[in-house]
PDB file of N, CA and C in Angstrom:
ATOM      1  N   MET A   1     113.475  90.958 100.238  1.00  0.00           N
ATOM      2  CA  MET A   1     114.502  91.187  99.066  1.00  0.00           C
ATOM      3  C   MET A   1     114.730  92.615  99.920  1.00  0.00           C
ATOM      4  N   LYS A   2     116.363  92.687  99.491  1.00  0.00           N
ATOM      5  CA  LYS A   2     116.947  93.693  99.709  1.00  0.00           C
ATOM      6  C   LYS A   2     116.370  94.997  98.937  1.00  0.00           C
ATOM      7  N   ASN A   3     116.585  94.558  97.888  1.00  0.00           N
ATOM      8  CA  ASN A   3     115.716  95.800  96.879  1.00  0.00           C
ATOM      9  C   ASN A   3     114.673  95.614  96.115  1.00  0.00           C
ATOM     10  N   PRO A   4     113.543  95.499  96.699  1.00  0.00           N
ATOM     11  CA  PRO A   4     112.252  94.967  95.777  1.00  0.00           C
ATOM     12  C   PRO A   4     112.092  96.044  94.699  1.00  0.00           C
ATOM     13  N   LYS A   5     111.399  94.977  93.723  1.00  0.00           N
ATOM     14  CA  LYS A   5     111.326  95.484  92.368  1.00  0.00           C
ATOM     15  C   LYS A   5     110.116  95.482  92.188  1.00  0.00           C
ATOM     16  N   LEU A   6     109.503  96.555  91.009  1.00  0.00           N
ATOM     17  CA  LEU A   6     108.257  96.648  90.692  1.00  0.00           C
ATOM     18  C   LEU A   6     107.564  95.484  89.906  1.00  0.00           C
ATOM     19  N   VAL A   7     107.045  94.861  90.211  1.00  0.00           N
ATOM     20  CA  VAL A   7     106.009  93.861  89.053  1.00  0.00           C
ATOM     21  C   VAL A   7     104.855  93.939  88.876  1.00  0.00           C
ATOM     22  N   VAL A   8     104.209  92.987  88.315  1.00  0.00           N
ATOM     23  CA  VAL A   8     102.885  93.054  87.573  1.00  0.00           C
ATOM     24  C   VAL A   8     103.090  91.413  87.853  1.00  0.00           C
ATOM     25  N   VAL A   9     101.849  90.886  88.793  1.00  0.00           N
ATOM     26  CA  VAL A   9     101.655  89.573  88.707  1.00  0.00           C
ATOM     27  C   VAL A   9     101.080  89.105  87.900  1.00  0.00           C
ATOM     28  N   GLU A  10     100.882  88.402  87.044  1.00  0.00           N
ATOM     29  CA  GLU A  10      99.383  87.416  86.201  1.00  0.00           C
ATOM     30  C   GLU A  10      99.082  86.269  87.138  1.00  0.00           C
ATOM     31  N   TRP A  11      97.899  86.155  87.905  1.00  0.00           N
ATOM     32  CA  TRP A  11      97.593  85.291  88.263  1.00  0.00           C
ATOM     33  C   TRP A  11      96.253  84.892  87.785  1.00  0.00           C
ATOM     34  N   ARG A  12      95.703  83.471  88.212  1.00  0.00           N
ATOM     35  CA  ARG A  12      94.539  82.826  87.957  1.00  0.00           C
ATOM     36  C   ARG A  12      93.578  82.763  89.254  1.00  0.00           C
ATOM     37  N   ASP A  13      92.321  82.939  89.277  1.00  0.00           N
ATOM     38  CA  ASP A  13      91.795  82.619  90.412  1.00  0.00           C
ATOM     39  C   ASP A  13      90.961  81.713  90.708  1.00  0.00           C
ATOM     40  N   ILE A  14      90.770  80.771  91.441  1.00  0.00           N
ATOM     41  CA  ILE A  14      90.263  79.446  91.406  1.00  0.00           C
ATOM     42  C   ILE A  14      88.851  79.864  91.304  1.00  0.00           C
ATOM     43  N   LEU A  15      87.732  79.228  90.821  1.00  0.00           N
ATOM     44  CA  LEU A  15      86.326  79.585  90.643  1.00  0.00           C
ATOM     45  C   LEU A  15      85.501  77.807  91.112  1.00  0.00           C
ATOM     46  N   GLY A  16      84.603  78.519  91.713  1.00  0.00           N
ATOM     47  CA  GLY A  16      83.804  77.246  92.336  1.00  0.00           C
ATOM     48  C   GLY A  16      82.453  77.835  91.946  1.00  0.00           C
ATOM     49  N   THR A  17      81.123  76.650  91.500  1.00  0.00           N
ATOM     50  CA  THR A  17      80.003  77.165  91.052  1.00  0.00           C
ATOM     51  C   THR A  17      79.281  76.142  92.376  1.00  0.00           C
ATOM     52  N   SER A  18      77.717  76.615  91.860  1.00  0.00           N
ATOM     53  CA  SER A  18      76.735  75.652  93.185  1.00  0.00           C
ATOM     54  C   SER A  18      75.487  75.732  92.234  1.00  0.00           C
ATOM     55  N   GLY A  19      75.617  75.939  91.078  1.00  0.00           N
ATOM     56  CA  GLY A  19      74.462  75.726  89.901  1.00  0.00           C
ATOM     57  C   GLY A  19      74.841  74.704  88.804  1.00  0.00           C
ATOM     58  N   TRP A  20      74.133  74.457  87.767  1.00  0.00           N
ATOM     59  CA  TRP A  20      73.520  73.828  86.773  1.00  0.00           C
ATOM     60  C   TRP A  20      74.849  73.980  85.909  1.00  0.00           C
ATOM     61  N   GLU A  21      75.842  74.692  86.254  1.00  0.00           N
ATOM     62  CA  GLU A  21      76.825  75.108  84.923  1.00  0.00           C
ATOM     63  C   GLU A  21      77.184  74.089  84.218  1.00  0.00           C
ATOM     64  N   LYS A  22      77.273  74.773  82.629  1.00  0.00           N
ATOM     65  CA  LYS A  22      77.842  73.245  82.110  1.00  0.00           C
ATOM     66  C   LYS A  22      79.507  73.126  82.488  1.00  0.00           C
ATOM     67  N   PRO A  23      80.257  72.470  82.553  1.00  0.00           N
ATOM     68  CA  PRO A  23      82.047  72.425  82.579  1.00  0.00           C
ATOM     69  C   PRO A  23      82.913  73.494  81.416  1.00  0.00           C
ATOM     70  N   SER A  24      82.138  73.344  80.198  1.00  0.00           N
ATOM     71  CA  SER A  24      82.575  74.413  79.130  1.00  0.00           C
ATOM     72  C   SER A  24      82.522  76.060  79.530  1.00  0.00           C
ATOM     73  N   GLU A  25      81.509  76.159  80.403  1.00  0.00           N
ATOM     74  CA  GLU A  25      81.134  77.454  80.679  1.00  0.00           C
ATOM     75  C   GLU A  25      81.887  78.161  82.073  1.00  0.00           C
ATOM     76  N   VAL A  26      82.556  77.097  82.888  1.00  0.00           N
ATOM     77  CA  VAL A  26      83.527  77.750  84.048  1.00  0.00           C
ATOM     78  C   VAL A  26      84.800  77.187  83.979  1.00  0.00           C
ATOM     79  N   ASP A  27      85.218  78.358  83.798  1.00  0.00           N
ATOM     80  CA  ASP A  27      86.678  79.049  83.803  1.00  0.00           C
ATOM     81  C   ASP A  27      87.784  79.929  84.624  1.00  0.00           C
ATOM     82  N   PRO A  28      88.374  79.450  84.921  1.00  0.00           N
ATOM     83  CA  PRO A  28      89.125  80.526  86.217  1.00  0.00           C
ATOM     84  C   PRO A  28      89.850  82.048  85.604  1.00  0.00           C
ATOM     85  N   PRO A  29      89.068  82.904  86.301  1.00  0.00           N
ATOM     86  CA  PRO A  29      89.319  84.002  85.317  1.00  0.00           C
ATOM     87  C   PRO A  29      90.851  84.546  85.953  1.00  0.00           C
ATOM     88  N   THR A  30      91.575  85.269  85.005  1.00  0.00           N
ATOM     89  CA  THR A  30      93.043  85.582  84.769  1.00  0.00           C
ATOM     90  C   THR A  30      93.021  87.090  85.755  1.00  0.00           C
ATOM     91  N   PHE A  31      93.698  87.603  86.778  1.00  0.00           N
ATOM     92  CA  PHE A  31      93.443  88.722  87.005  1.00  0.00           C
ATOM     93  C   PHE A  31      95.213  89.179  86.826  1.00  0.00           C
ATOM     94  N   TRP A  32      95.480  90.822  87.111  1.00  0.00           N
ATOM     95  CA  TRP A  32      97.081  91.672  87.140  1.00  0.00           C
ATOM     96  C   TRP A  32      96.786  92.498  88.218  1.00  0.00           C
ATOM     97  N   THR A  33      98.055  91.831  89.204  1.00  0.00           N
ATOM     98  CA  THR A  33      98.557  92.731  90.389  1.00  0.00           C
ATOM     99  C   THR A  33      99.448  93.793  90.549  1.00  0.00           C
ATOM    100  N   ALA A  34      99.889  94.598  90.554  1.00  0.00           N
ATOM    101  CA  ALA A  34     100.956  95.388  90.918  1.00  0.00           C
ATOM    102  C   ALA A  34     101.608  95.632  92.417  1.00  0.00           C
ATOM    103  N   GLY A  35     102.561  95.510  92.344  1.00  0.00           N
ATOM    104  CA  GLY A  35     103.397  95.771  93.593  1.00  0.00           C
ATOM    105  C   GLY A  35     104.702  95.563  94.033  1.00  0.00           C
ATOM    106  N   TYR A  36     105.252  95.927  95.002  1.00  0.00           N
ATOM    107  CA  TYR A  36     106.938  95.897  94.879  1.00  0.00           C
ATOM    108  C   TYR A  36     107.029  94.074  95.112  1.00  0.00           C
ATOM    109  N   LEU A  37     107.812  93.152  94.992  1.00  0.00           N
ATOM    110  CA  LEU A  37     108.029  92.036  95.079  1.00  0.00           C
ATOM    111  C   LEU A  37     109.105  91.743  96.136  1.00  0.00           C
ATOM    112  N   ILE A  38     108.237  91.539  97.702  1.00  0.00           N
ATOM    113  CA  ILE A  38     109.003  91.418  98.827  1.00  0.00           C
ATOM    114  C   ILE A  38     109.557  89.961  99.263  1.00  0.00           C
ATOM    115  N   THR A  39     108.870  88.755  98.886  1.00  0.00           N
ATOM    116  CA  THR A  39     109.314  87.436  99.239  1.00  0.00           C
ATOM    117  C   THR A  39     108.794  86.681  97.807  1.00  0.00           C
ATOM    118  N   LYS A  40     109.592  85.669  97.396  1.00  0.00           N
ATOM    119  CA  LYS A  40     109.314  84.922  96.947  1.00  0.00           C
ATOM    120  C   LYS A  40     110.085  83.257  96.928  1.00  0.00           C
ATOM    121  N   ASN A  41     109.014  82.394  97.083  1.00  0.00           N
ATOM    122  CA  ASN A  41     109.588  80.660  97.033  1.00  0.00           C
ATOM    123  C   ASN A  41     108.897  79.862  96.441  1.00  0.00           C
ATOM    124  N   LYS A  42     109.126  78.600  97.065  1.00  0.00           N
ATOM    125  CA  LYS A  42     108.620  77.723  95.751  1.00  0.00           C
ATOM    126  C   LYS A  42     106.922  77.337  96.234  1.00  0.00           C
ATOM    127  N   ASN A  43     106.116  78.262  97.068  1.00  0.00           N
ATOM    128  CA  ASN A  43     105.234  78.237  97.941  1.00  0.00           C
ATOM    129  C   ASN A  43     104.424  79.517  97.435  1.00  0.00           C
ATOM    130  N   THR A  44     105.284  80.308  97.974  1.00  0.00           N
ATOM    131  CA  THR A  44     103.935  81.715  97.782  1.00  0.00           C
ATOM    132  C   THR A  44     104.931  83.039  97.331  1.00  0.00           C
ATOM    133  N   ILE A  45     104.316  84.039  96.889  1.00  0.00           N
ATOM    134  CA  ILE A  45     104.798  84.881  96.213  1.00  0.00           C
ATOM    135  C   ILE A  45     104.207  86.099  96.923  1.00  0.00           C
ATOM    136  N   LYS A  46     104.991  87.308  97.899  1.00  0.00           N
ATOM    137  CA  LYS A  46     104.542  88.164  98.305  1.00  0.00           C
ATOM    138  C   LYS A  46     104.755  89.237  97.777  1.00  0.00           C
ATOM    139  N   ILE A  47     103.710  90.542  97.324  1.00  0.00           N
ATOM    140  CA  ILE A  47     103.878  91.680  97.029  1.00  0.00           C
ATOM    141  C   ILE A  47     103.220  92.684  98.072  1.00  0.00           C
ATOM    142  N   ALA A  48     104.137  94.014  97.880  1.00  0.00           N
ATOM    143  CA  ALA A  48     103.422  95.002  98.754  1.00  0.00           C
ATOM    144  C   ALA A  48     103.082  96.405  97.967  1.00  0.00           C
ATOM    145  N   ALA A  49     102.603  96.802  98.316  1.00  0.00           N
ATOM    146  CA  ALA A  49     101.551  97.998  97.526  1.00  0.00           C
ATOM    147  C   ALA A  49     102.642  99.774  98.624  1.00  0.00           C
ATOM    148  N   THR A  50     102.681  99.415  99.581  1.00  0.00           N
ATOM    149  CA  THR A  50     103.370 100.482 100.808  1.00  0.00           C
ATOM    150  C   THR A  50     104.079 100.406 101.486  1.00  0.00           C
ATOM    151  N   LYS A  51     105.274 101.023 101.762  1.00  0.00           N
ATOM    152  CA  LYS A  51     106.330 101.309 102.668  1.00  0.00           C
ATOM    153  C   LYS A  51     106.819 102.309 103.284  1.00  0.00           C
ATOM    154  N   ASP A  52     106.768 102.239 104.762  1.00  0.00           N
ATOM    155  CA  ASP A  52     106.842 103.412 105.194  1.00  0.00           C
ATOM    156  C   ASP A  52     108.439 103.709 105.738  1.00  0.00           C
ATOM    157  N   GLU A  53     108.248 104.897 106.722  1.00  0.00           N
ATOM    158  CA  GLU A  53     109.718 105.559 106.460  1.00  0.00           C
ATOM    159  C   GLU A  53     110.612 104.453 107.509  1.00  0.00           C
ATOM    160  N   LYS A  54     110.021 103.420 108.442  1.00  0.00           N
ATOM    161  CA  LYS A  54     110.835 102.859 108.775  1.00  0.00           C
ATOM    162  C   LYS A  54     111.118 101.397 108.183  1.00  0.00           C
ATOM    163  N   GLY A  55     110.651 101.171 107.179  1.00  0.00           N
ATOM    164  CA  GLY A  55     110.933 100.086 105.958  1.00  0.00           C
ATOM    165  C   GLY A  55     109.799  98.961 106.333  1.00  0.00           C
ATOM    166  N   GLU A  56     108.862  99.713 106.516  1.00  0.00           N
ATOM    167  CA  GLU A  56     108.023  98.576 107.114  1.00  0.00           C
ATOM    168  C   GLU A  56     106.858  98.070 105.863  1.00  0.00           C
ATOM    169  N   TRP A  57     106.748  97.076 105.216  1.00  0.00           N
ATOM    170  CA  TRP A  57     105.607  96.655 104.362  1.00  0.00           C
ATOM    171  C   TRP A  57     104.101  97.082 104.850  1.00  0.00           C
ATOM    172  N   SER A  58     103.286  97.271 103.932  1.00  0.00           N
ATOM    173  CA  SER A  58     101.897  97.766 104.036  1.00  0.00           C
ATOM    174  C   SER A  58     100.885  96.784 102.977  1.00  0.00           C
ATOM    175  N   THR A  59      99.889  96.477 102.912  1.00  0.00           N
ATOM    176  CA  THR A  59      99.183  96.312 101.549  1.00  0.00           C
ATOM    177  C   THR A  59      99.765  95.080 101.013  1.00  0.00           C
ATOM    178  N   ILE A  60      99.572  93.895 101.629  1.00  0.00           N
ATOM    179  CA  ILE A  60     100.045  92.825 101.358  1.00  0.00           C
ATOM    180  C   ILE A  60      99.496  91.943 100.905  1.00  0.00           C
ATOM    181  N   THR A  61      99.615  91.213  99.536  1.00  0.00           N
ATOM    182  CA  THR A  61      99.218  90.335  98.740  1.00  0.00           C
ATOM    183  C   THR A  61      99.816  88.948  98.541  1.00  0.00           C
ATOM    184  N   ALA A  62      99.219  87.988  99.579  1.00  0.00           N
ATOM    185  CA  ALA A  62     100.187  86.291  99.237  1.00  0.00           C
ATOM    186  C   ALA A  62      99.453  85.843  98.303  1.00  0.00           C
ATOM    187  N   PHE A  63     100.109  85.103  97.074  1.00  0.00           N
ATOM    188  CA  PHE A  63      99.998  84.436  95.612  1.00  0.00           C
ATOM    189  C   PHE A  63     100.176  83.281  96.473  1.00  0.00           C
ATOM    190  N   PRO A  64      99.801  82.004  96.275  1.00  0.00           N
ATOM    191  CA  PRO A  64      99.814  80.815  96.150  1.00  0.00           C
ATOM    192  C   PRO A  64     100.552  80.456  94.689  1.00  0.00           C
ATOM    193  N   SER A  65     102.163  79.978  94.701  1.00  0.00           N
ATOM    194  CA  SER A  65     102.920  79.876  93.436  1.00  0.00           C
ATOM    195  C   SER A  65     101.914  79.154  92.409  1.00  0.00           C
ATOM    196  N   GLY A  66     101.414  78.112  92.637  1.00  0.00           N
ATOM    197  CA  GLY A  66     100.438  77.407  91.631  1.00  0.00           C
ATOM    198  C   GLY A  66      99.458  78.101  90.920  1.00  0.00           C
ATOM    199  N   CYS A  67      99.051  79.299  91.467  1.00  0.00           N
ATOM    200  CA  CYS A  67      98.377  80.223  90.620  1.00  0.00           C
ATOM    201  C   CYS A  67      98.557  81.248  89.816  1.00  0.00           C
ATOM    202  N   VAL A  68     100.142  81.598  90.097  1.00  0.00           N
ATOM    203  CA  VAL A  68     100.721  82.273  89.274  1.00  0.00           C
ATOM    204  C   VAL A  68     100.985  82.135  88.100  1.00  0.00           C
ATOM    205  N   THR A  69     100.788  82.967  86.971  1.00  0.00           N
ATOM    206  CA  THR A  69     100.875  82.482  85.595  1.00  0.00           C
ATOM    207  C   THR A  69     102.278  83.096  85.087  1.00  0.00           C
ATOM    208  N   LYS A  70     102.746  84.422  85.644  1.00  0.00           N
ATOM    209  CA  LYS A  70     103.855  84.707  85.104  1.00  0.00           C
ATOM    210  C   LYS A  70     103.828  86.211  86.190  1.00  0.00           C
ATOM    211  N   ILE A  71     105.303  86.806  85.912  1.00  0.00           N
ATOM    212  CA  ILE A  71     105.651  87.947  87.256  1.00  0.00           C
ATOM    213  C   ILE A  71     106.420  88.789  86.034  1.00  0.00           C
ATOM    214  N   ASN A  72     106.172  90.342  85.778  1.00  0.00           N
ATOM    215  CA  ASN A  72     106.813  90.977  84.562  1.00  0.00           C
ATOM    216  C   ASN A  72     107.197  92.073  85.681  1.00  0.00           C
ATOM    217  N   TYR A  73     108.609  92.171  85.310  1.00  0.00           N
ATOM    218  CA  TYR A  73     109.434  92.965  86.192  1.00  0.00           C
ATOM    219  C   TYR A  73     109.428  93.960  85.291  1.00  0.00           C
ATOM    220  N   SER A  74     109.223  95.168  86.102  1.00  0.00           N
ATOM    221  CA  SER A  74     109.226  96.601  85.834  1.00  0.00           C
ATOM    222  C   SER A  74     110.873  97.048  85.478  1.00  0.00           C
ATOM    223  N   PRO A  75     111.264  98.061  84.034  1.00  0.00           N
ATOM    224  CA  PRO A  75     112.279  97.871  83.698  1.00  0.00           C
ATOM    225  C   PRO A  75     113.034  98.781  84.683  1.00  0.00           C
ATOM    226  N   SER A  76     114.409  98.731  84.998  1.00  0.00           N
ATOM    227  CA  SER A  76     115.093  99.251  86.016  1.00  0.00           C
ATOM    228  C   SER A  76     115.676 100.634  85.584  1.00  0.00           C
TER     229      SER A  76
END
């Protein structure tokens, strides 16, 4: 993205168990991750935390789009 926006991505993680938990006790947790939105398409959303003087991004998190429940954009 040309002018990446600061965002907070709300997402649900996948959870698996290997015990005898009741189905009602197993629920995917929700998390929030902040960063600059650098790419977004129908399959993947990527945010980054750090940009160097050459314009290269670092500390990238890639989310499967299906796990993302909301993207909150920082006010401009």
